[in-house]
C-alpha atoms as a PDB file:
ATOM      1  CA  MET A   1      76.699 115.234  90.032  1.00  0.00           C
ATOM      2  CA  ALA A   2      73.907 115.783  92.712  1.00  0.00           C
ATOM      3  CA  LEU A   3      74.868 117.076  96.050  1.00  0.00           C
ATOM      4  CA  ALA A   4      73.098 114.106  97.690  1.00  0.00           C
ATOM      5  CA  ALA A   5      75.566 111.814  96.043  1.00  0.00           C
ATOM      6  CA  ALA A   6      78.824 113.486  97.045  1.00  0.00           C
ATOM      7  CA  ALA A   7      80.511 115.172  99.972  1.00  0.00           C
ATOM      8  CA  ALA A   8      82.814 117.973  99.188  1.00  0.00           C
ATOM      9  CA  ASP A   9      84.031 121.221 100.714  1.00  0.00           C
ATOM     10  CA  HIS A  10      83.698 119.526 104.068  1.00  0.00           C
ATOM     11  CA  HIS A  11      85.570 122.018 106.139  1.00  0.00           C
ATOM     12  CA  PRO A  12      84.658 125.489 105.013  1.00  0.00           C
ATOM     13  CA  GLY A  13      87.015 128.153 106.209  1.00  0.00           C
ATOM     14  CA  ARG A  14      89.638 125.640 107.507  1.00  0.00           C
ATOM     15  CA  ALA A  15      92.920 125.461 105.892  1.00  0.00           C
ATOM     16  CA  HIS A  16      93.558 122.081 104.412  1.00  0.00           C
ATOM     17  CA  ALA A  17      96.432 119.845 105.595  1.00  0.00           C
ATOM     18  CA  ALA A  18      99.102 118.968 103.079  1.00  0.00           C
ATOM     19  CA  VAL A  19      97.228 115.784 102.289  1.00  0.00           C
ATOM     20  CA  TYR A  20      93.428 115.718 102.656  1.00  0.00           C
ATOM     21  CA  ILE A  21      90.223 114.149 101.543  1.00  0.00           C
ATOM     22  CA  SER A  22      89.003 116.517  98.657  1.00  0.00           C
ATOM     23  CA  HIS A  23      85.961 114.702  97.600  1.00  0.00           C
ATOM     24  CA  VAL A  24      83.767 111.677  98.307  1.00  0.00           C
ATOM     25  CA  ARG A  25      81.220 110.033  95.927  1.00  0.00           C
ATOM     26  CA  TYR A  26      79.399 107.683  98.291  1.00  0.00           C
ATOM     27  CA  ASP A  27      76.268 106.964  96.129  1.00  0.00           C
ATOM     28  CA  SER A  28      77.230 105.701  92.781  1.00  0.00           C
ATOM     29  CA  PRO A  29      74.843 106.631  89.932  1.00  0.00           C
ATOM     30  CA  GLY A  30      72.056 104.285  88.849  1.00  0.00           C
ATOM     31  CA  ARG A  31      71.036 101.061  90.690  1.00  0.00           C
ATOM     32  CA  ASP A  32      73.120  99.689  93.449  1.00  0.00           C
ATOM     33  CA  ASP A  33      73.583  96.344  91.655  1.00  0.00           C
ATOM     34  CA  ARG A  34      77.095  95.558  92.987  1.00  0.00           C
ATOM     35  CA  SER A  35      78.482  95.437  89.351  1.00  0.00           C
ATOM     36  CA  ASN A  36      82.195  96.352  89.152  1.00  0.00           C
ATOM     37  CA  TRP A  37      81.258  99.446  87.192  1.00  0.00           C
ATOM     38  CA  SER A  38      78.805 100.568  89.903  1.00  0.00           C
ATOM     39  CA  LEU A  39      81.307  99.842  92.698  1.00  0.00           C
ATOM     40  CA  ASN A  40      83.971 101.781  90.932  1.00  0.00           C
ATOM     41  CA  GLN A  41      81.597 104.848  90.694  1.00  0.00           C
ATOM     42  CA  GLU A  42      81.885 104.944  94.438  1.00  0.00           C
ATOM     43  CA  TRP A  43      85.209 106.718  95.308  1.00  0.00           C
ATOM     44  CA  VAL A  44      87.184 108.987  97.487  1.00  0.00           C
ATOM     45  CA  ASP A  45      89.683 111.611  96.221  1.00  0.00           C
ATOM     46  CA  ILE A  46      92.925 112.251  98.285  1.00  0.00           C
ATOM     47  CA  THR A  47      94.766 115.399  97.338  1.00  0.00           C
ATOM     48  CA  ASN A  48      98.264 116.606  98.043  1.00  0.00           C
ATOM     49  CA  SER A  49      98.151 120.456  98.219  1.00  0.00           C
ATOM     50  CA  THR A  50     101.989 120.815  98.497  1.00  0.00           C
ATOM     51  CA  ARG A  51     104.567 120.966  95.822  1.00  0.00           C
ATOM     52  CA  ARG A  52     106.398 117.950  97.240  1.00  0.00           C
ATOM     53  CA  ALA A  53     105.489 114.335  96.701  1.00  0.00           C
ATOM     54  CA  VAL A  54     104.181 112.420  99.687  1.00  0.00           C
ATOM     55  CA  LYS A  55     104.564 108.678 100.216  1.00  0.00           C
ATOM     56  CA  LEU A  56     101.293 107.204 101.422  1.00  0.00           C
ATOM     57  CA  ASN A  57     102.581 103.723 102.194  1.00  0.00           C
ATOM     58  CA  GLY A  58     100.907 102.439 105.299  1.00  0.00           C
ATOM     59  CA  TRP A  59      98.218 105.216 105.327  1.00  0.00           C
ATOM     60  CA  THR A  60      94.655 104.074 105.772  1.00  0.00           C
ATOM     61  CA  LEU A  61      91.176 105.170 104.552  1.00  0.00           C
ATOM     62  CA  GLN A  62      88.407 103.755 106.730  1.00  0.00           C
ATOM     63  CA  ASP A  63      84.573 104.022 107.073  1.00  0.00           C
ATOM     64  CA  GLU A  64      82.571 104.041 110.239  1.00  0.00           C
ATOM     65  CA  ASP A  65      81.972 100.272 110.015  1.00  0.00           C
ATOM     66  CA  GLY A  66      85.761  99.628 110.047  1.00  0.00           C
ATOM     67  CA  HIS A  67      86.232  98.811 106.340  1.00  0.00           C
ATOM     68  CA  THR A  68      89.854  99.810 105.882  1.00  0.00           C
ATOM     69  CA  PHE A  69      91.927 100.373 102.817  1.00  0.00           C
ATOM     70  CA  THR A  70      95.664 100.427 103.234  1.00  0.00           C
ATOM     71  CA  PHE A  71      97.786 102.343 100.725  1.00  0.00           C
ATOM     72  CA  ARG A  72     100.700 100.244  99.404  1.00  0.00           C
ATOM     73  CA  HIS A  73     103.512 101.561  97.220  1.00  0.00           C
ATOM     74  CA  VAL A  74     101.812 104.854  96.640  1.00  0.00           C
ATOM     75  CA  ARG A  75     103.563 108.079  95.861  1.00  0.00           C
ATOM     76  CA  LEU A  76     101.277 111.140  95.563  1.00  0.00           C
ATOM     77  CA  ASP A  77     102.952 113.771  93.515  1.00  0.00           C
ATOM     78  CA  GLY A  78     102.743 117.456  94.552  1.00  0.00           C
ATOM     79  CA  ARG A  79      99.552 119.200  93.643  1.00  0.00           C
ATOM     80  CA  ALA A  80      98.032 115.880  92.553  1.00  0.00           C
ATOM     81  CA  THR A  81      94.924 113.820  93.435  1.00  0.00           C
ATOM     82  CA  VAL A  82      94.543 110.048  93.657  1.00  0.00           C
ATOM     83  CA  ARG A  83      91.018 108.528  93.363  1.00  0.00           C
ATOM     84  CA  VAL A  84      90.400 105.484  95.541  1.00  0.00           C
ATOM     85  CA  HIS A  85      87.688 103.326  93.967  1.00  0.00           C
ATOM     86  CA  THR A  86      85.750 100.649  95.821  1.00  0.00           C
ATOM     87  CA  GLY A  87      85.642  97.979  93.094  1.00  0.00           C
ATOM     88  CA  VAL A  88      88.261  95.975  91.265  1.00  0.00           C
ATOM     89  CA  GLY A  89      90.767  97.465  88.701  1.00  0.00           C
ATOM     90  CA  GLN A  90      94.317  98.041  87.742  1.00  0.00           C
ATOM     91  CA  ASP A  91      96.077 100.645  89.921  1.00  0.00           C
ATOM     92  CA  THR A  92      97.566 103.656  88.228  1.00  0.00           C
ATOM     93  CA  ARG A  93      99.121 106.917  89.453  1.00  0.00           C
ATOM     94  CA  ARG A  94      95.659 108.521  89.450  1.00  0.00           C
ATOM     95  CA  ASP A  95      93.358 105.609  90.316  1.00  0.00           C
ATOM     96  CA  LEU A  96      93.598 102.995  92.972  1.00  0.00           C
ATOM     97  CA  PHE A  97      91.239 100.112  93.640  1.00  0.00           C
ATOM     98  CA  GLN A  98      90.182  98.565  96.829  1.00  0.00           C
ATOM     99  CA  ASP A  99      89.309  95.291  95.018  1.00  0.00           C
ATOM    100  CA  ARG A 100      86.026  94.886  96.922  1.00  0.00           C
ATOM    101  CA  ARG A 101      82.836  93.161  95.689  1.00  0.00           C
ATOM    102  CA  ALA A 102      80.508  95.209  97.914  1.00  0.00           C
ATOM    103  CA  TYR A 103      79.892  98.884  98.587  1.00  0.00           C
ATOM    104  CA  VAL A 104      81.802 100.607 101.467  1.00  0.00           C
ATOM    105  CA  TRP A 105      80.378 104.005 101.821  1.00  0.00           C
ATOM    106  CA  ASN A 106      76.791 104.151 103.181  1.00  0.00           C
ATOM    107  CA  ASN A 107      74.495 106.390 101.190  1.00  0.00           C
ATOM    108  CA  ASP A 108      72.548 107.838 104.100  1.00  0.00           C
ATOM    109  CA  TYR A 109      75.422 108.517 106.554  1.00  0.00           C
ATOM    110  CA  ASP A 110      79.120 107.719 107.027  1.00  0.00           C
ATOM    111  CA  THR A 111      82.573 109.048 107.697  1.00  0.00           C
ATOM    112  CA  ALA A 112      85.628 108.648 105.495  1.00  0.00           C
ATOM    113  CA  THR A 113      88.703 108.910 107.777  1.00  0.00           C
ATOM    114  CA  LEU A 114      92.243 109.244 106.535  1.00  0.00           C
ATOM    115  CA  ARG A 115      95.163 108.299 108.818  1.00  0.00           C
ATOM    116  CA  ASN A 116      98.945 108.354 108.227  1.00  0.00           C
ATOM    117  CA  ASP A 117     101.254 105.480 108.499  1.00  0.00           C
ATOM    118  CA  ARG A 118     101.499 105.953 112.325  1.00  0.00           C
ATOM    119  CA  GLY A 119      97.729 105.726 112.673  1.00  0.00           C
ATOM    120  CA  ARG A 120      97.434 109.444 113.396  1.00  0.00           C
ATOM    121  CA  PHE A 121      94.387 111.314 112.134  1.00  0.00           C
ATOM    122  CA  VAL A 122      94.862 113.369 109.044  1.00  0.00           C
ATOM    123  CA  ASP A 123      91.383 114.328 107.821  1.00  0.00           C
ATOM    124  CA  ASP A 124      87.798 113.127 107.569  1.00  0.00           C
ATOM    125  CA  VAL A 125      84.543 113.775 105.714  1.00  0.00           C
ATOM    126  CA  SER A 126      81.083 113.041 107.059  1.00  0.00           C
ATOM    127  CA  TRP A 127      77.683 113.179 105.490  1.00  0.00           C
ATOM    128  CA  GLY A 128      74.143 112.485 106.673  1.00  0.00           C
ATOM    129  CA  HIS A 129      73.348 111.629 110.324  1.00  0.00           C
ATOM    130  CA  HIS A 130      76.571 109.838 111.195  1.00  0.00           C
ATOM    131  CA  ARG A 131      77.487 108.117 114.371  1.00  0.00           C
ATOM    132  CA  GLY A 132      80.452 110.479 115.033  1.00  0.00           C
ATOM    133  CA  HIS A 133      84.094 110.888 114.199  1.00  0.00           C
ATOM    134  CA  ARG A 134      86.699 108.445 115.338  1.00  0.00           C
ATOM    135  CA  ARG A 135      89.849 110.478 115.871  1.00  0.00           C
END
């Protein structure tokens, strides 16, 4: 995957929180044709670095424009990652779907922000010339 199409290792030298955004693919490969395949090639990985499972119920993932995905009935096992796809699909333990028909993450700039069920900032990843963090 080209570096221009993904944001990773966003906080060099910083110790990760127990749950954090480990990778973002904001520019799906090929043409942006809004097909479900293309929409599902745009995703955010959320990783639990601890040995204990974490319930993500009520946690949110949001872009700078306010598009918000709320986690429902999600238990993230210890040392596991869940991938949140933009398009439509069947949720599993490893893949969740926002069930959207349009792209969320801007290719040129954006920020993915993860908040817990109390609305408190957990982590974010930015790319390009973004408008700024919303903590």
